[in-house]
Amino acid sequence: MPETRRGVLYGIAAYTMWGLFPLYWPLLKPSGAVEILAHRMVWSLAVVVAVLAVRRHWSWFRTLTRRQVLLLTLAAVTVSVNWGTYIYAVNTGHVVESALGYFINPLVSVLFGVVVFRERLRPWQWAAVGLGAVAVLILTLDYGRLPWIALVLAVSFGTYGLLKKTAQVGSAESLTIETLVLLVPALAYLLVIEANGTGTFAHHGVGHALLLVASGLITAVPLLCFTASALRVPLTIIGLLQYIAPTLQFLCGILVVHETMPASRWAGFVVVWAALSLFTWDSLRAAHASRRAAAAVPSEALETV
């Protein structure tokens, strides 16, 4: 129980930090989304290398396969799209739409399970996915366009999770490879914009430079907390905790950024929340039934003996 409780606390910490990201990225203005993304890559590498150095954990380099390196390279590209889109969304006043992306991400992951792993969905899961599609349609009519920020965030993060799951490499280790892959283009970009005077790192004071450096810490710490949580608690609990982040992002968009929410947009979000409630209820029901079935097996075995 203490380990489970500790895991839940780690999970709450991770998702709370992710949920409060909309309060941090605007502090980095006038840096643009691409410049922030490049700094995030560079300083994240510095943080995870420091963590690995403290743990004296380097032997894993020799065990990496070419397939794992390829998968992590693809993951690096995918997460760059996700990070860049999210930073752009927050810094241009689309916090609510970015929250929508992470709300519908579980439904996208379910669809990936069907397409990639040939998993069969239960009827209630199909109903949840259907409601999610209806919500996207409602919000498309509300925005007058596809909610592309939400869809890019959901699909890119779902793809990232799929690639990480397939690669089977630890969190700090995989983040090291991902940021190493992106280090050269990120550094090259930062050097070019600093040289031509369009960069902000060396031109807006020490405080601004420190905030850009801290983006690496902001990136790495929640991820390490998430890994510590995932090792200690069941996936069903992780599935419930993951709604903390988009809920906080949504509240930031409404209460801090003061984004407008017409009735049609509220209707779309209500349908999304209904889909997630249905999905969560079905997942918990299936997990409970699975535990009961597993508990019944030893009893049946004893009766047979």
Protein backbone atom coordinates (compact mmCIF):
# COMPACT_ATOMS: atom_id res chain seq x y z
CA MET A 1 0.00 0.00 0.00
CA PRO A 2 2.73 2.59 0.76
CA GLU A 3 4.26 1.96 -2.68
CA THR A 4 0.86 2.33 -4.35
CA ARG A 5 0.18 5.52 -2.43
CA ARG A 6 3.59 6.87 -3.42
CA GLY A 7 2.89 5.96 -7.04
CA VAL A 8 -0.42 7.83 -6.97
CA LEU A 9 1.34 10.90 -5.56
CA TYR A 10 3.98 10.72 -8.30
CA GLY A 11 1.22 10.47 -10.89
CA ILE A 12 -0.69 13.43 -9.45
CA ALA A 13 2.54 15.46 -9.45
CA ALA A 14 3.29 14.59 -13.09
CA TYR A 15 -0.17 15.35 -14.44
CA THR A 16 -0.52 18.51 -12.33
CA MET A 17 2.74 19.87 -13.72
CA TRP A 18 1.65 19.03 -17.27
CA GLY A 19 -1.70 20.67 -16.59
CA LEU A 20 -0.05 23.91 -15.44
CA PHE A 21 2.19 24.20 -18.52
CA PRO A 22 -0.10 26.91 -20.00
CA LEU A 23 1.06 29.20 -17.19
CA TYR A 24 4.75 28.70 -18.01
CA TRP A 25 5.16 29.00 -21.79
CA PRO A 26 3.78 32.58 -22.01
CA LEU A 27 6.56 33.63 -19.60
CA LEU A 28 9.05 32.88 -22.38
CA LYS A 29 7.73 35.54 -24.74
CA PRO A 30 8.99 37.12 -26.96
CA SER A 31 10.55 33.74 -27.86
CA GLY A 32 8.62 32.03 -30.63
CA ALA A 33 7.33 28.46 -30.50
CA VAL A 34 10.20 27.03 -32.57
CA GLU A 35 12.87 28.76 -30.48
CA ILE A 36 11.26 27.54 -27.24
CA LEU A 37 11.04 24.04 -28.71
CA ALA A 38 14.76 24.08 -29.62
CA HIS A 39 15.74 25.23 -26.12
CA ARG A 40 13.48 22.59 -24.63
CA MET A 41 15.31 19.89 -26.60
CA VAL A 42 18.79 21.11 -25.68
CA TRP A 43 18.20 21.66 -21.97
CA SER A 44 16.13 18.47 -21.57
CA LEU A 45 19.19 16.55 -22.73
CA ALA A 46 21.30 18.32 -20.11
CA VAL A 47 18.82 17.35 -17.37
CA VAL A 48 18.51 13.66 -18.29
CA VAL A 49 22.28 13.30 -18.73
CA ALA A 50 22.68 14.75 -15.22
CA VAL A 51 20.12 12.24 -13.89
CA LEU A 52 21.91 9.34 -15.57
CA ALA A 53 25.26 10.60 -14.26
CA VAL A 54 23.95 10.68 -10.69
CA ARG A 55 22.59 7.14 -11.12
CA ARG A 56 25.80 6.07 -12.91
CA HIS A 57 23.59 4.34 -15.39
CA TRP A 58 25.31 4.13 -18.79
CA SER A 59 25.40 0.41 -19.58
CA TRP A 60 22.03 0.56 -21.34
CA PHE A 61 23.71 2.24 -24.34
CA ARG A 62 25.33 -1.06 -25.27
CA THR A 63 22.03 -2.96 -25.17
CA LEU A 64 20.15 -0.72 -27.62
CA THR A 65 19.21 -2.35 -30.91
CA ARG A 66 19.00 -0.63 -34.29
CA ARG A 67 15.24 -1.12 -34.21
CA GLN A 68 14.97 0.66 -30.86
CA VAL A 69 17.11 3.56 -32.10
CA LEU A 70 14.93 3.87 -35.22
CA LEU A 71 11.72 3.81 -33.15
CA LEU A 72 13.08 6.44 -30.75
CA THR A 73 14.17 8.60 -33.68
CA LEU A 74 10.61 8.50 -35.01
CA ALA A 75 9.38 9.20 -31.47
CA ALA A 76 11.66 12.24 -31.31
CA VAL A 77 10.17 13.66 -34.50
CA THR A 78 6.63 12.93 -33.29
CA VAL A 79 7.08 14.50 -29.87
CA SER A 80 8.68 17.56 -31.52
CA VAL A 81 5.47 18.04 -33.49
CA ASN A 82 3.47 17.62 -30.28
CA TRP A 83 5.61 20.01 -28.21
CA GLY A 84 5.80 22.62 -30.95
CA THR A 85 2.04 22.54 -31.57
CA TYR A 86 1.30 22.78 -27.86
CA ILE A 87 3.62 25.74 -27.29
CA TYR A 88 2.14 27.48 -30.33
CA ALA A 89 -1.40 26.81 -29.06
CA VAL A 90 -0.72 28.17 -25.58
CA ASN A 91 1.15 31.26 -26.75
CA THR A 92 -1.52 32.16 -29.32
CA GLY A 93 -4.51 31.84 -26.98
CA HIS A 94 -5.75 28.36 -27.92
CA VAL A 95 -5.38 26.75 -24.49
CA VAL A 96 -8.91 25.31 -24.47
CA GLU A 97 -8.40 23.66 -27.87
CA SER A 98 -5.10 22.18 -26.67
CA ALA A 99 -6.92 20.78 -23.62
CA LEU A 100 -9.43 19.19 -25.99
CA GLY A 101 -6.55 17.36 -27.70
CA TYR A 102 -5.49 15.70 -24.48
CA PHE A 103 -9.09 14.92 -23.54
CA ILE A 104 -9.62 12.96 -26.76
CA ASN A 105 -6.15 11.39 -26.70
CA PRO A 106 -7.38 8.23 -24.84
CA LEU A 107 -9.92 7.64 -27.60
CA VAL A 108 -7.22 8.02 -30.25
CA SER A 109 -5.05 5.51 -28.36
CA VAL A 110 -7.98 3.06 -28.40
CA LEU A 111 -8.27 3.44 -32.17
CA PHE A 112 -4.54 2.82 -32.53
CA GLY A 113 -5.01 -0.39 -30.57
CA VAL A 114 -7.65 -1.50 -33.09
CA VAL A 115 -5.64 -0.51 -36.19
CA VAL A 116 -2.13 -1.51 -35.10
CA PHE A 117 -2.61 -4.34 -32.60
CA ARG A 118 -5.91 -5.66 -34.01
CA GLU A 119 -7.53 -5.28 -30.59
CA ARG A 120 -11.28 -5.81 -30.34
CA LEU A 121 -13.29 -3.08 -28.72
CA ARG A 122 -16.16 -3.77 -26.38
CA PRO A 123 -19.55 -2.25 -27.38
CA TRP A 124 -19.30 0.53 -24.79
CA GLN A 125 -15.82 1.42 -26.04
CA TRP A 126 -17.19 1.78 -29.58
CA ALA A 127 -19.95 3.98 -28.16
CA ALA A 128 -17.33 6.20 -26.48
CA VAL A 129 -15.34 6.50 -29.71
CA GLY A 130 -18.55 7.35 -31.58
CA LEU A 131 -19.37 10.10 -29.08
CA GLY A 132 -15.84 11.43 -29.50
CA ALA A 133 -16.40 11.66 -33.27
CA VAL A 134 -19.68 13.49 -32.68
CA ALA A 135 -17.88 15.94 -30.38
CA VAL A 136 -15.25 16.68 -33.05
CA LEU A 137 -18.08 17.32 -35.56
CA ILE A 138 -19.82 19.73 -33.16
CA LEU A 139 -16.58 21.60 -32.48
CA THR A 140 -15.77 21.73 -36.20
CA LEU A 141 -19.08 23.50 -36.77
CA ASP A 142 -18.37 25.79 -33.80
CA TYR A 143 -14.85 26.78 -34.88
CA GLY A 144 -15.78 26.91 -38.55
CA ARG A 145 -12.85 24.58 -39.20
CA LEU A 146 -11.48 21.27 -38.02
CA PRO A 147 -10.07 21.66 -34.48
CA TRP A 148 -6.66 20.90 -35.99
CA ILE A 149 -4.63 21.85 -32.92
CA ALA A 150 -6.56 19.34 -30.80
CA LEU A 151 -6.34 16.64 -33.48
CA VAL A 152 -2.60 17.14 -34.06
CA LEU A 153 -1.94 17.00 -30.31
CA ALA A 154 -4.07 13.88 -29.83
CA VAL A 155 -2.69 11.98 -32.82
CA SER A 156 0.95 12.97 -32.27
CA PHE A 157 0.88 12.08 -28.56
CA GLY A 158 -0.93 8.83 -29.31
CA THR A 159 1.69 7.99 -31.93
CA TYR A 160 4.47 8.93 -29.52
CA GLY A 161 3.05 6.60 -26.87
CA LEU A 162 2.72 3.82 -29.43
CA LEU A 163 6.37 4.20 -30.54
CA LYS A 164 7.61 4.32 -26.92
CA LYS A 165 5.57 1.23 -26.02
CA THR A 166 7.02 -0.63 -29.01
CA ALA A 167 10.61 0.48 -28.28
CA GLN A 168 10.48 -0.76 -24.64
CA VAL A 169 13.18 1.63 -23.35
CA GLY A 170 13.10 3.39 -19.98
CA SER A 171 11.91 6.98 -19.65
CA ALA A 172 15.21 8.77 -18.92
CA GLU A 173 17.05 6.53 -21.38
CA SER A 174 14.55 7.05 -24.20
CA LEU A 175 14.41 10.80 -23.59
CA THR A 176 18.21 10.85 -23.82
CA ILE A 177 18.14 9.21 -27.25
CA GLU A 178 15.28 11.41 -28.44
CA THR A 179 17.01 14.63 -27.43
CA LEU A 180 20.35 13.41 -28.81
CA VAL A 181 18.67 12.84 -32.17
CA LEU A 182 17.31 16.38 -32.11
CA LEU A 183 20.37 18.07 -30.55
CA VAL A 184 22.22 18.97 -33.77
CA PRO A 185 19.27 20.58 -35.61
CA ALA A 186 18.14 22.32 -32.39
CA LEU A 187 21.62 23.72 -31.65
CA ALA A 188 22.13 24.72 -35.29
CA TYR A 189 18.83 26.60 -35.29
CA LEU A 190 19.64 28.40 -32.02
CA LEU A 191 23.12 29.39 -33.20
CA VAL A 192 21.74 30.75 -36.48
CA ILE A 193 19.04 32.90 -34.89
CA GLU A 194 21.45 34.20 -32.24
CA ALA A 195 23.98 35.06 -34.95
CA ASN A 196 21.47 36.96 -37.08
CA GLY A 197 19.95 38.76 -34.09
CA THR A 198 16.49 37.19 -34.19
CA GLY A 199 17.07 34.94 -31.17
CA THR A 200 16.02 36.03 -27.67
CA PHE A 201 18.31 33.98 -25.40
CA ALA A 202 21.12 36.56 -25.22
CA HIS A 203 19.05 39.68 -25.84
CA HIS A 204 16.37 39.84 -23.14
CA GLY A 205 18.22 39.67 -19.87
CA VAL A 206 19.42 36.97 -17.48
CA GLY A 207 15.92 36.20 -16.21
CA HIS A 208 14.66 35.35 -19.67
CA ALA A 209 17.72 33.19 -20.38
CA LEU A 210 17.20 31.29 -17.12
CA LEU A 211 13.55 30.67 -17.95
CA LEU A 212 14.59 29.16 -21.29
CA VAL A 213 17.18 26.97 -19.56
CA ALA A 214 14.53 25.88 -17.02
CA SER A 215 12.38 24.56 -19.88
CA GLY A 216 14.59 21.46 -19.82
CA LEU A 217 13.79 20.88 -16.15
CA ILE A 218 10.11 21.61 -16.79
CA THR A 219 10.17 18.92 -19.48
CA ALA A 220 12.13 16.20 -17.68
CA VAL A 221 10.74 16.31 -14.11
CA PRO A 222 7.08 15.46 -14.96
CA LEU A 223 8.24 12.66 -17.24
CA LEU A 224 10.40 11.13 -14.49
CA CYS A 225 7.50 11.44 -12.01
CA PHE A 226 5.21 9.74 -14.51
CA THR A 227 7.63 6.83 -14.91
CA ALA A 228 7.89 6.44 -11.12
CA SER A 229 4.09 6.35 -10.96
CA ALA A 230 3.68 3.88 -13.82
CA LEU A 231 6.03 1.44 -12.08
CA ARG A 232 3.97 1.48 -8.86
CA VAL A 233 0.27 1.67 -9.78
CA PRO A 234 -2.06 -0.23 -12.13
CA LEU A 235 -2.81 1.19 -15.57
CA THR A 236 -6.44 1.71 -14.55
CA ILE A 237 -5.31 4.28 -11.97
CA ILE A 238 -2.96 5.91 -14.49
CA GLY A 239 -5.92 6.10 -16.87
CA LEU A 240 -7.92 8.05 -14.29
CA LEU A 241 -5.04 10.32 -13.31
CA GLN A 242 -4.40 11.35 -16.93
CA TYR A 243 -7.54 13.52 -16.92
CA ILE A 244 -5.93 15.86 -14.37
CA ALA A 245 -3.74 17.53 -17.02
CA PRO A 246 -6.37 18.49 -19.61
CA THR A 247 -8.79 19.52 -16.83
CA LEU A 248 -6.22 21.97 -15.45
CA GLN A 249 -5.38 23.15 -18.98
CA PHE A 250 -9.08 23.75 -19.63
CA LEU A 251 -9.42 25.72 -16.39
CA CYS A 252 -6.33 27.78 -17.30
CA GLY A 253 -7.91 28.60 -20.64
CA ILE A 254 -11.21 29.67 -19.05
CA LEU A 255 -10.07 31.32 -15.81
CA VAL A 256 -6.59 32.67 -16.65
CA VAL A 257 -6.52 33.29 -20.40
CA HIS A 258 -10.28 34.11 -20.43
CA GLU A 259 -10.97 32.37 -23.73
CA THR A 260 -14.52 32.68 -24.99
CA MET A 261 -16.74 29.60 -24.69
CA PRO A 262 -19.95 29.93 -26.71
CA ALA A 263 -22.78 27.50 -26.03
CA SER A 264 -21.90 25.38 -29.07
CA ARG A 265 -18.35 24.91 -27.79
CA TRP A 266 -19.63 23.93 -24.35
CA ALA A 267 -21.89 21.40 -26.10
CA GLY A 268 -18.88 19.85 -27.84
CA PHE A 269 -16.94 19.56 -24.59
CA VAL A 270 -19.94 18.07 -22.78
CA VAL A 271 -20.09 15.33 -25.43
CA VAL A 272 -16.34 14.74 -25.04
CA TRP A 273 -16.73 14.43 -21.27
CA ALA A 274 -19.66 12.05 -21.75
CA ALA A 275 -17.49 9.91 -24.04
CA LEU A 276 -14.65 9.88 -21.50
CA SER A 277 -17.04 9.05 -18.63
CA LEU A 278 -18.42 6.13 -20.63
CA PHE A 279 -14.93 4.99 -21.59
CA THR A 280 -13.68 5.20 -17.98
CA TRP A 281 -16.73 3.41 -16.57
CA ASP A 282 -16.33 0.57 -19.07
CA SER A 283 -12.58 0.29 -18.37
CA LEU A 284 -13.13 0.12 -14.60
CA ARG A 285 -15.96 -2.41 -15.06
CA ALA A 286 -13.77 -4.62 -17.28
CA ALA A 287 -10.83 -4.37 -14.86
CA HIS A 288 -13.08 -5.35 -11.93
CA ALA A 289 -14.46 -8.33 -13.86
CA SER A 290 -10.92 -9.40 -14.77
CA ARG A 291 -9.82 -9.27 -11.12
CA ARG A 292 -12.85 -11.32 -10.04
CA ALA A 293 -12.12 -13.91 -12.72
CA ALA A 294 -8.46 -14.12 -11.66
CA ALA A 295 -9.45 -14.51 -8.01
CA ALA A 296 -11.83 -17.31 -8.89
CA VAL A 297 -9.16 -19.39 -10.62
CA PRO A 298 -7.22 -20.42 -7.45
CA SER A 299 -10.48 -21.36 -5.72
CA GLU A 300 -11.51 -23.57 -8.62
CA ALA A 301 -8.05 -25.15 -8.65
CA LEU A 302 -8.29 -25.98 -4.94
CA GLU A 303 -11.73 -27.52 -5.40
CA THR A 304 -10.36 -29.68 -8.23
CA VAL A 305 -7.50 -30.91 -6.02
